[in-house]
Every structure is written in C-alpha cells, then in structure tokens.
C-alpha atoms as a PDB file:
ATOM      1  CA  UNK A   1       0.000   0.000   0.000  1.00  0.00           C
ATOM      2  CA  UNK A   2       1.299   3.451  -0.890  1.00  0.00           C
ATOM      3  CA  UNK A   3       1.366   5.852   2.061  1.00  0.00           C
ATOM      4  CA  UNK A   4       2.242   9.538   1.714  1.00  0.00           C
ATOM      5  CA  UNK A   5       4.587  10.992   4.310  1.00  0.00           C
ATOM      6  CA  UNK A   6       2.417  13.917   5.368  1.00  0.00           C
ATOM      7  CA  UNK A   7       5.094  15.929   7.181  1.00  0.00           C
ATOM      8  CA  UNK A   8       7.653  15.758   4.374  1.00  0.00           C
ATOM      9  CA  UNK A   9       5.044  16.221   1.658  1.00  0.00           C
ATOM     10  CA  UNK A  10       3.660  19.313   3.384  1.00  0.00           C
ATOM     11  CA  UNK A  11       7.089  20.876   3.670  1.00  0.00           C
ATOM     12  CA  UNK A  12       7.750  20.046   0.007  1.00  0.00           C
ATOM     13  CA  UNK A  13       4.433  21.628  -0.948  1.00  0.00           C
ATOM     14  CA  UNK A  14       5.271  24.816   0.917  1.00  0.00           C
ATOM     15  CA  UNK A  15       8.626  25.055  -0.827  1.00  0.00           C
ATOM     16  CA  UNK A  16       7.026  24.221  -4.187  1.00  0.00           C
ATOM     17  CA  UNK A  17       4.589  27.129  -3.776  1.00  0.00           C
ATOM     18  CA  UNK A  18       7.460  29.495  -2.905  1.00  0.00           C
ATOM     19  CA  UNK A  19       9.471  28.329  -5.896  1.00  0.00           C
ATOM     20  CA  UNK A  20       6.460  28.562  -8.226  1.00  0.00           C
ATOM     21  CA  UNK A  21       5.740  32.148  -7.235  1.00  0.00           C
ATOM     22  CA  UNK A  22       9.409  33.069  -7.490  1.00  0.00           C
ATOM     23  CA  UNK A  23       9.397  31.821 -11.083  1.00  0.00           C
ATOM     24  CA  UNK A  24       5.860  32.639 -12.220  1.00  0.00           C
ATOM     25  CA  UNK A  25       4.685  35.525 -10.102  1.00  0.00           C
ATOM     26  CA  UNK A  26       7.373  37.161  -8.013  1.00  0.00           C
ATOM     27  CA  UNK A  27       5.702  39.721  -5.778  1.00  0.00           C
ATOM     28  CA  UNK A  28       2.228  38.455  -6.697  1.00  0.00           C
ATOM     29  CA  UNK A  29      -0.489  37.374  -4.300  1.00  0.00           C
ATOM     30  CA  UNK A  30      -2.181  33.982  -4.142  1.00  0.00           C
ATOM     31  CA  UNK A  31      -5.901  34.313  -4.933  1.00  0.00           C
ATOM     32  CA  UNK A  32      -8.002  31.457  -3.576  1.00  0.00           C
ATOM     33  CA  UNK A  33     -11.706  30.745  -3.821  1.00  0.00           C
ATOM     34  CA  UNK A  34     -12.723  29.959  -0.235  1.00  0.00           C
ATOM     35  CA  UNK A  35     -15.649  27.585   0.242  1.00  0.00           C
ATOM     36  CA  UNK A  36     -14.833  26.516   3.789  1.00  0.00           C
ATOM     37  CA  UNK A  37     -14.161  22.928   2.692  1.00  0.00           C
ATOM     38  CA  UNK A  38     -10.992  20.935   3.229  1.00  0.00           C
ATOM     39  CA  UNK A  39      -9.451  21.722  -0.170  1.00  0.00           C
ATOM     40  CA  UNK A  40      -9.646  25.515  -0.246  1.00  0.00           C
ATOM     41  CA  UNK A  41      -8.861  25.723   3.477  1.00  0.00           C
ATOM     42  CA  UNK A  42      -5.747  23.594   3.067  1.00  0.00           C
ATOM     43  CA  UNK A  43      -4.564  25.492  -0.010  1.00  0.00           C
ATOM     44  CA  UNK A  44      -5.016  28.762   1.890  1.00  0.00           C
ATOM     45  CA  UNK A  45      -3.063  27.429   4.868  1.00  0.00           C
ATOM     46  CA  UNK A  46      -0.256  26.210   2.596  1.00  0.00           C
ATOM     47  CA  UNK A  47      -0.049  29.588   0.868  1.00  0.00           C
ATOM     48  CA  UNK A  48       0.009  31.446   4.187  1.00  0.00           C
ATOM     49  CA  UNK A  49       2.934  29.313   5.325  1.00  0.00           C
ATOM     50  CA  UNK A  50       4.715  29.670   1.987  1.00  0.00           C
ATOM     51  CA  UNK A  51       4.081  33.348   1.212  1.00  0.00           C
ATOM     52  CA  UNK A  52       2.848  35.028   4.400  1.00  0.00           C
ATOM     53  CA  UNK A  53      -0.789  35.917   5.115  1.00  0.00           C
ATOM     54  CA  UNK A  54      -0.298  39.401   3.690  1.00  0.00           C
ATOM     55  CA  UNK A  55       0.230  37.800   0.278  1.00  0.00           C
ATOM     56  CA  UNK A  56      -2.910  35.661   0.287  1.00  0.00           C
ATOM     57  CA  UNK A  57      -6.379  36.826  -0.779  1.00  0.00           C
ATOM     58  CA  UNK A  58      -9.438  34.695  -0.128  1.00  0.00           C
ATOM     59  CA  UNK A  59     -12.592  35.157  -2.181  1.00  0.00           C
ATOM     60  CA  UNK A  60     -16.069  34.157  -1.051  1.00  0.00           C
ATOM     61  CA  UNK A  61     -18.491  33.675  -3.945  1.00  0.00           C
ATOM     62  CA  UNK A  62     -21.978  32.816  -2.707  1.00  0.00           C
ATOM     63  CA  UNK A  63     -24.687  32.339  -5.304  1.00  0.00           C
ATOM     64  CA  UNK A  64     -27.337  34.320  -3.464  1.00  0.00           C
ATOM     65  CA  UNK A  65     -27.731  32.941   0.078  1.00  0.00           C
ATOM     66  CA  UNK A  66     -25.200  30.285   1.106  1.00  0.00           C
ATOM     67  CA  UNK A  67     -26.357  28.230   4.083  1.00  0.00           C
ATOM     68  CA  UNK A  68     -22.877  27.129   5.183  1.00  0.00           C
ATOM     69  CA  UNK A  69     -20.978  30.372   4.628  1.00  0.00           C
ATOM     70  CA  UNK A  70     -19.905  30.377   8.291  1.00  0.00           C
ATOM     71  CA  UNK A  71     -17.315  27.748   7.372  1.00  0.00           C
ATOM     72  CA  UNK A  72     -15.601  30.030   4.880  1.00  0.00           C
ATOM     73  CA  UNK A  73     -15.829  32.852   7.441  1.00  0.00           C
ATOM     74  CA  UNK A  74     -13.926  30.564   9.819  1.00  0.00           C
ATOM     75  CA  UNK A  75     -11.067  30.208   7.303  1.00  0.00           C
ATOM     76  CA  UNK A  76     -10.522  33.980   7.355  1.00  0.00           C
ATOM     77  CA  UNK A  77     -10.720  34.070  11.144  1.00  0.00           C
ATOM     78  CA  UNK A  78      -8.205  31.236  11.577  1.00  0.00           C
ATOM     79  CA  UNK A  79      -5.705  32.321   8.913  1.00  0.00           C
ATOM     80  CA  UNK A  80      -6.094  36.104   9.068  1.00  0.00           C
ATOM     81  CA  UNK A  81      -6.049  36.552   5.305  1.00  0.00           C
ATOM     82  CA  UNK A  82      -7.712  39.319   3.312  1.00  0.00           C
ATOM     83  CA  UNK A  83     -11.363  38.611   2.463  1.00  0.00           C
ATOM     84  CA  UNK A  84     -13.215  39.693  -0.667  1.00  0.00           C
ATOM     85  CA  UNK A  85     -16.866  38.701  -1.056  1.00  0.00           C
ATOM     86  CA  UNK A  86     -18.432  38.695  -4.512  1.00  0.00           C
ATOM     87  CA  UNK A  87     -22.008  37.460  -4.766  1.00  0.00           C
ATOM     88  CA  UNK A  88     -22.335  35.832  -8.192  1.00  0.00           C
ATOM     89  CA  UNK A  89     -26.135  35.527  -8.275  1.00  0.00           C
ATOM     90  CA  UNK A  90     -26.717  38.524 -10.553  1.00  0.00           C
ATOM     91  CA  UNK A  91     -24.072  37.273 -12.996  1.00  0.00           C
ATOM     92  CA  UNK A  92     -25.537  33.760 -13.031  1.00  0.00           C
ATOM     93  CA  UNK A  93     -29.090  35.026 -13.444  1.00  0.00           C
ATOM     94  CA  UNK A  94     -27.976  37.392 -16.210  1.00  0.00           C
ATOM     95  CA  UNK A  95     -26.271  34.589 -18.127  1.00  0.00           C
ATOM     96  CA  UNK A  96     -29.290  32.299 -17.752  1.00  0.00           C
ATOM     97  CA  UNK A  97     -31.632  35.048 -18.908  1.00  0.00           C
ATOM     98  CA  UNK A  98     -29.414  35.736 -21.909  1.00  0.00           C
ATOM     99  CA  UNK A  99     -29.497  32.036 -22.861  1.00  0.00           C
ATOM    100  CA  UNK A 100     -33.271  31.950 -22.575  1.00  0.00           C
ATOM    101  CA  UNK A 101     -33.586  35.163 -24.604  1.00  0.00           C
ATOM    102  CA  UNK A 102     -31.551  33.409 -27.298  1.00  0.00           C
ATOM    103  CA  UNK A 103     -34.166  30.679 -27.406  1.00  0.00           C
ATOM    104  CA  UNK A 104     -32.196  28.111 -25.412  1.00  0.00           C
ATOM    105  CA  UNK A 105     -33.372  26.022 -22.479  1.00  0.00           C
ATOM    106  CA  UNK A 106     -30.454  25.540 -20.045  1.00  0.00           C
ATOM    107  CA  UNK A 107     -30.047  21.896 -19.035  1.00  0.00           C
ATOM    108  CA  UNK A 108     -29.723  20.703 -15.442  1.00  0.00           C
ATOM    109  CA  UNK A 109     -25.990  20.203 -16.040  1.00  0.00           C
ATOM    110  CA  UNK A 110     -25.715  23.736 -17.417  1.00  0.00           C
ATOM    111  CA  UNK A 111     -27.373  25.155 -14.326  1.00  0.00           C
ATOM    112  CA  UNK A 112     -24.957  23.189 -12.139  1.00  0.00           C
ATOM    113  CA  UNK A 113     -21.770  24.085 -14.013  1.00  0.00           C
ATOM    114  CA  UNK A 114     -22.478  27.684 -15.001  1.00  0.00           C
ATOM    115  CA  UNK A 115     -22.062  29.130 -11.467  1.00  0.00           C
ATOM    116  CA  UNK A 116     -18.765  27.262 -11.124  1.00  0.00           C
ATOM    117  CA  UNK A 117     -17.444  28.773 -14.348  1.00  0.00           C
ATOM    118  CA  UNK A 118     -18.614  32.228 -13.297  1.00  0.00           C
ATOM    119  CA  UNK A 119     -16.797  31.735 -10.008  1.00  0.00           C
ATOM    120  CA  UNK A 120     -13.563  31.049 -11.870  1.00  0.00           C
ATOM    121  CA  UNK A 121     -14.071  34.111 -14.073  1.00  0.00           C
ATOM    122  CA  UNK A 122     -14.599  36.081 -10.862  1.00  0.00           C
ATOM    123  CA  UNK A 123     -11.388  34.741  -9.350  1.00  0.00           C
ATOM    124  CA  UNK A 124      -9.430  35.829 -12.414  1.00  0.00           C
ATOM    125  CA  UNK A 125     -11.047  39.277 -12.265  1.00  0.00           C
ATOM    126  CA  UNK A 126      -9.977  39.590  -8.621  1.00  0.00           C
ATOM    127  CA  UNK A 127      -6.525  38.280  -9.499  1.00  0.00           C
ATOM    128  CA  UNK A 128      -5.966  40.712 -12.361  1.00  0.00           C
ATOM    129  CA  UNK A 129      -7.088  43.581 -10.131  1.00  0.00           C
ATOM    130  CA  UNK A 130      -4.680  42.617  -7.339  1.00  0.00           C
ATOM    131  CA  UNK A 131      -1.527  41.403  -9.104  1.00  0.00           C
ATOM    132  CA  UNK A 132      -2.462  37.821  -8.287  1.00  0.00           C
ATOM    133  CA  UNK A 133      -2.190  34.201  -9.305  1.00  0.00           C
ATOM    134  CA  UNK A 134      -5.226  31.916  -8.999  1.00  0.00           C
ATOM    135  CA  UNK A 135      -5.111  28.558  -7.253  1.00  0.00           C
ATOM    136  CA  UNK A 136      -6.790  25.409  -8.527  1.00  0.00           C
ATOM    137  CA  UNK A 137      -8.115  23.577  -5.458  1.00  0.00           C
ATOM    138  CA  UNK A 138      -9.003  20.258  -7.111  1.00  0.00           C
ATOM    139  CA  UNK A 139      -7.604  17.079  -5.606  1.00  0.00           C
ATOM    140  CA  UNK A 140      -6.754  13.659  -7.035  1.00  0.00           C
ATOM    141  CA  UNK A 141      -9.896  11.971  -5.720  1.00  0.00           C
ATOM    142  CA  UNK A 142     -12.155  14.458  -7.482  1.00  0.00           C
ATOM    143  CA  UNK A 143     -10.120  14.256 -10.674  1.00  0.00           C
ATOM    144  CA  UNK A 144     -10.223  10.447 -10.649  1.00  0.00           C
ATOM    145  CA  UNK A 145     -14.010  10.389 -11.008  1.00  0.00           C
ATOM    146  CA  UNK A 146     -14.347  13.616 -12.993  1.00  0.00           C
ATOM    147  CA  UNK A 147     -15.993  15.511 -10.154  1.00  0.00           C
ATOM    148  CA  UNK A 148     -14.955  18.927 -11.358  1.00  0.00           C
ATOM    149  CA  UNK A 149     -16.153  21.471 -13.881  1.00  0.00           C
ATOM    150  CA  UNK A 150     -13.985  21.886 -16.968  1.00  0.00           C
ATOM    151  CA  UNK A 151     -12.904  25.527 -17.165  1.00  0.00           C
ATOM    152  CA  UNK A 152     -14.508  26.020 -13.763  1.00  0.00           C
ATOM    153  CA  UNK A 153     -12.920  24.703 -10.580  1.00  0.00           C
ATOM    154  CA  UNK A 154     -10.524  22.447 -12.514  1.00  0.00           C
ATOM    155  CA  UNK A 155      -8.387  25.349 -13.765  1.00  0.00           C
ATOM    156  CA  UNK A 156      -6.014  27.827 -12.184  1.00  0.00           C
ATOM    157  CA  UNK A 157      -2.419  28.983 -12.343  1.00  0.00           C
ATOM    158  CA  UNK A 158      -1.051  26.547  -9.754  1.00  0.00           C
ATOM    159  CA  UNK A 159      -2.535  23.338  -8.326  1.00  0.00           C
ATOM    160  CA  UNK A 160      -1.039  22.237  -4.993  1.00  0.00           C
ATOM    161  CA  UNK A 161      -3.452  19.342  -4.318  1.00  0.00           C
ATOM    162  CA  UNK A 162      -3.737  17.726  -7.739  1.00  0.00           C
ATOM    163  CA  UNK A 163      -1.711  14.639  -6.752  1.00  0.00           C
ATOM    164  CA  UNK A 164      -3.268  14.224  -3.286  1.00  0.00           C
ATOM    165  CA  UNK A 165      -6.373  12.246  -2.333  1.00  0.00           C
ATOM    166  CA  UNK A 166      -9.037  13.732  -0.065  1.00  0.00           C
ATOM    167  CA  UNK A 167      -7.722  11.628   2.825  1.00  0.00           C
ATOM    168  CA  UNK A 168      -4.247  13.091   2.333  1.00  0.00           C
ATOM    169  CA  UNK A 169      -5.617  16.648   2.020  1.00  0.00           C
ATOM    170  CA  UNK A 170      -7.342  16.214   5.389  1.00  0.00           C
ATOM    171  CA  UNK A 171      -4.099  14.977   6.939  1.00  0.00           C
ATOM    172  CA  UNK A 172      -2.154  17.951   5.577  1.00  0.00           C
ATOM    173  CA  UNK A 173      -4.803  20.351   6.842  1.00  0.00           C
ATOM    174  CA  UNK A 174      -4.592  18.780  10.276  1.00  0.00           C
ATOM    175  CA  UNK A 175      -0.788  18.946  10.190  1.00  0.00           C
ATOM    176  CA  UNK A 176      -1.047  22.659   9.421  1.00  0.00           C
ATOM    177  CA  UNK A 177      -3.310  23.147  12.441  1.00  0.00           C
ATOM    178  CA  UNK A 178      -6.654  23.745  10.742  1.00  0.00           C
ATOM    179  CA  UNK A 179      -9.661  23.068  13.005  1.00  0.00           C
ATOM    180  CA  UNK A 180     -11.792  19.953  12.548  1.00  0.00           C
ATOM    181  CA  UNK A 181     -14.733  22.115  11.452  1.00  0.00           C
ATOM    182  CA  UNK A 182     -12.799  22.773   8.242  1.00  0.00           C
ATOM    183  CA  UNK A 183     -10.932  19.517   7.622  1.00  0.00           C
ATOM    184  CA  UNK A 184     -13.902  17.293   8.488  1.00  0.00           C
ATOM    185  CA  UNK A 185     -16.655  19.320   6.799  1.00  0.00           C
ATOM    186  CA  UNK A 186     -18.786  17.056   4.617  1.00  0.00           C
ATOM    187  CA  UNK A 187     -17.799  18.057   1.074  1.00  0.00           C
ATOM    188  CA  UNK A 188     -20.462  19.747  -1.047  1.00  0.00           C
ATOM    189  CA  UNK A 189     -20.260  22.039  -4.068  1.00  0.00           C
ATOM    190  CA  UNK A 190     -22.780  24.431  -2.514  1.00  0.00           C
ATOM    191  CA  UNK A 191     -24.646  24.591  -5.828  1.00  0.00           C
ATOM    192  CA  UNK A 192     -26.817  21.514  -6.407  1.00  0.00           C
ATOM    193  CA  UNK A 193     -27.950  20.824  -2.840  1.00  0.00           C
ATOM    194  CA  UNK A 194     -26.265  17.424  -2.566  1.00  0.00           C
ATOM    195  CA  UNK A 195     -23.059  16.294  -0.889  1.00  0.00           C
ATOM    196  CA  UNK A 196     -20.207  15.169  -3.136  1.00  0.00           C
ATOM    197  CA  UNK A 197     -20.437  11.447  -2.447  1.00  0.00           C
ATOM    198  CA  UNK A 198     -24.148  11.397  -3.355  1.00  0.00           C
ATOM    199  CA  UNK A 199     -23.306  13.000  -6.698  1.00  0.00           C
ATOM    200  CA  UNK A 200     -20.331  10.741  -7.361  1.00  0.00           C
ATOM    201  CA  UNK A 201     -22.033   7.499  -6.342  1.00  0.00           C
ATOM    202  CA  UNK A 202     -19.154   6.163  -4.247  1.00  0.00           C
ATOM    203  CA  UNK A 203     -17.203   7.228  -1.175  1.00  0.00           C
ATOM    204  CA  UNK A 204     -13.985   9.230  -1.182  1.00  0.00           C
ATOM    205  CA  UNK A 205     -12.498   6.516   1.030  1.00  0.00           C
ATOM    206  CA  UNK A 206     -12.896   3.992  -1.796  1.00  0.00           C
ATOM    207  CA  UNK A 207     -11.479   6.458  -4.337  1.00  0.00           C
ATOM    208  CA  UNK A 208      -8.441   6.822  -2.060  1.00  0.00           C
ATOM    209  CA  UNK A 209      -8.009   3.027  -2.115  1.00  0.00           C
ATOM    210  CA  UNK A 210      -8.280   3.026  -5.913  1.00  0.00           C
ATOM    211  CA  UNK A 211      -5.275   5.346  -6.074  1.00  0.00           C
ATOM    212  CA  UNK A 212      -3.180   3.961  -3.210  1.00  0.00           C
ATOM    213  CA  UNK A 213      -4.322   0.395  -2.489  1.00  0.00           C
ATOM    214  CA  UNK A 214      -6.509  -0.881  -5.368  1.00  0.00           C
ATOM    215  CA  UNK A 215      -6.293  -4.525  -4.316  1.00  0.00           C
ATOM    216  CA  UNK A 216      -8.356  -3.613  -1.222  1.00  0.00           C
ATOM    217  CA  UNK A 217     -11.379  -2.814  -3.394  1.00  0.00           C
ATOM    218  CA  UNK A 218     -14.048  -5.193  -4.569  1.00  0.00           C
ATOM    219  CA  UNK A 219     -14.084  -5.745  -8.320  1.00  0.00           C
ATOM    220  CA  UNK A 220     -17.413  -3.912  -8.503  1.00  0.00           C
ATOM    221  CA  UNK A 221     -16.055  -0.804  -6.764  1.00  0.00           C
ATOM    222  CA  UNK A 222     -12.792  -0.850  -8.722  1.00  0.00           C
ATOM    223  CA  UNK A 223     -14.625  -1.146 -12.044  1.00  0.00           C
ATOM    224  CA  UNK A 224     -17.052   1.652 -11.100  1.00  0.00           C
ATOM    225  CA  UNK A 225     -14.225   4.081 -10.324  1.00  0.00           C
ATOM    226  CA  UNK A 226     -12.139   2.916 -13.278  1.00  0.00           C
ATOM    227  CA  UNK A 227     -14.993   3.605 -15.700  1.00  0.00           C
ATOM    228  CA  UNK A 228     -15.363   7.109 -14.324  1.00  0.00           C
ATOM    229  CA  UNK A 229     -11.613   7.719 -14.606  1.00  0.00           C
ATOM    230  CA  UNK A 230     -11.476   6.584 -18.220  1.00  0.00           C
ATOM    231  CA  UNK A 231     -14.529   8.681 -19.112  1.00  0.00           C
ATOM    232  CA  UNK A 232     -13.218  11.843 -17.460  1.00  0.00           C
ATOM    233  CA  UNK A 233      -9.446  11.662 -17.925  1.00  0.00           C
ATOM    234  CA  UNK A 234      -9.668  14.243 -20.725  1.00  0.00           C
ATOM    235  CA  UNK A 235     -10.457  16.930 -18.146  1.00  0.00           C
ATOM    236  CA  UNK A 236      -6.882  16.681 -16.881  1.00  0.00           C
ATOM    237  CA  UNK A 237      -5.414  17.970 -20.121  1.00  0.00           C
ATOM    238  CA  UNK A 238      -5.672  21.221 -22.113  1.00  0.00           C
ATOM    239  CA  UNK A 239      -7.558  21.338 -25.380  1.00  0.00           C
ATOM    240  CA  UNK A 240      -5.806  19.258 -28.010  1.00  0.00           C
ATOM    241  CA  UNK A 241      -4.153  21.357 -30.702  1.00  0.00           C
ATOM    242  CA  UNK A 242      -4.313  20.479 -34.380  1.00  0.00           C
ATOM    243  CA  UNK A 243      -0.790  19.987 -35.709  1.00  0.00           C
ATOM    244  CA  UNK A 244      -1.428  18.759 -39.260  1.00  0.00           C
ATOM    245  CA  UNK A 245      -0.457  21.925 -41.109  1.00  0.00           C
ATOM    246  CA  UNK A 246       0.524  21.399 -44.719  1.00  0.00           C
ATOM    247  CA  UNK A 247       2.851  23.906 -46.428  1.00  0.00           C
END
C-alpha cells in the first residue's frame, strides 16, 4: 500500500509554492476561492505558510444565500487573510436570462456548471485587479471520477493538491493546524444541494483506495471508479491542438 509521508510532503508543498511564485509571479499574491471545505482551506493554509498571510487573498463567492458560509468565514478568522466577497447571483441570473432570450433552455448540467465557471471568471477578475495568481483547489480523488467542472474549478495557475487524495488533504490540513470544522466538513459544491459522495455514487475513502491500495477494493467498486476515470481523464489535459499543417 502506498502511504504519503504527510510531514515531508507538506514541507515540500510549501517550498514548491514558494518556488512557483518566485518563477511565475514574483511579488504576486495567491488568490483562492474559499468555500470553507478541506481543499480551499488547506490550499489557503499552505499559501500562508509559503508566502505570508499578507500575500494571500481569499474570495467568497456565494450564489445568493449560502447556508454554510460560516465555514468560509472561519477560514478567514483562523488564517487572518484578506477577504473579498463577490455574490455571483446577478451574474448567473444574467447569463441564464441571456441564454433563454436566445431561445435556449439551459439543461440541469448547465445550471450546475455555469455558477462554477462564473466563479472562476470572478477569481481571475480579482486576481488581475490585485496582481495575483489563482489557485486550482481540485484534488486527485475528485479528478479520478471527474468531479470537477472543466474551465470552472478544474483550472487555475497553480494546483497544490492535484496529486493528493481527499484523505491526504485532510491529513495535511490537520498537520497545518486547521480546526476539525474545516478539515472534516462534509464536502459539497454548494450549488446543487447534494453532498459530493451522493453526486459521485461512491465514497472518497474507496477512491483513495483506488489510487493507493486498489487490491483492497471489490471488483465492482474498482470497475465503477475505473470507468469514471477513463470517461473523465480528458479533463486533466488542455484542449488538443491540431498539428497537421501542410505547407
């Protein structure tokens, strides 16, 4: 079974963030969408340790009323980083109205993914207005089953958690001293009204085993996750570029 050394990996992550900003954004600030979940909280804590809290900006982006916004408030209280709150409801409603005015009926998937893409556009607007670089907070467990929105939460300028499972993200958050309210919060996208595991159809614990200890899974569970991985692997890569020019 593969087991990540949390202490050494965390220290490597902190140094990696420092090195990345030295090369790709010297003097820039880390801009992080803060949901109050384990991923954004851990990325924020890593950036504070790597860059100093004065160089980290957290952005709350509720879509109207957000029932669990107290968790993201807690991140700012614990880490002492700058908070910017941008309510995206008017932007989402405006885009939906524009689609309908064009004669289109937005699908359920459109209504789920559109706010996520508007959130990422908002993060880049905040970043460009504050000399920033945007974090991607996706982790390996989400990527394995395609639980991310292409050109929404799956993009960014740097991605500290992309090779870590949810179990490992929790452990890093705990190592960094984040409270249980943040590291143990039941993951939800805050958009569709369901928790992540209900949407995915399998537990994050089993996805962790798929990546680190696949022989521990039943064939049924392994095949279920493997099908999702093969169907969604394309999300991990940029758009393919045509290279068949003829001169």
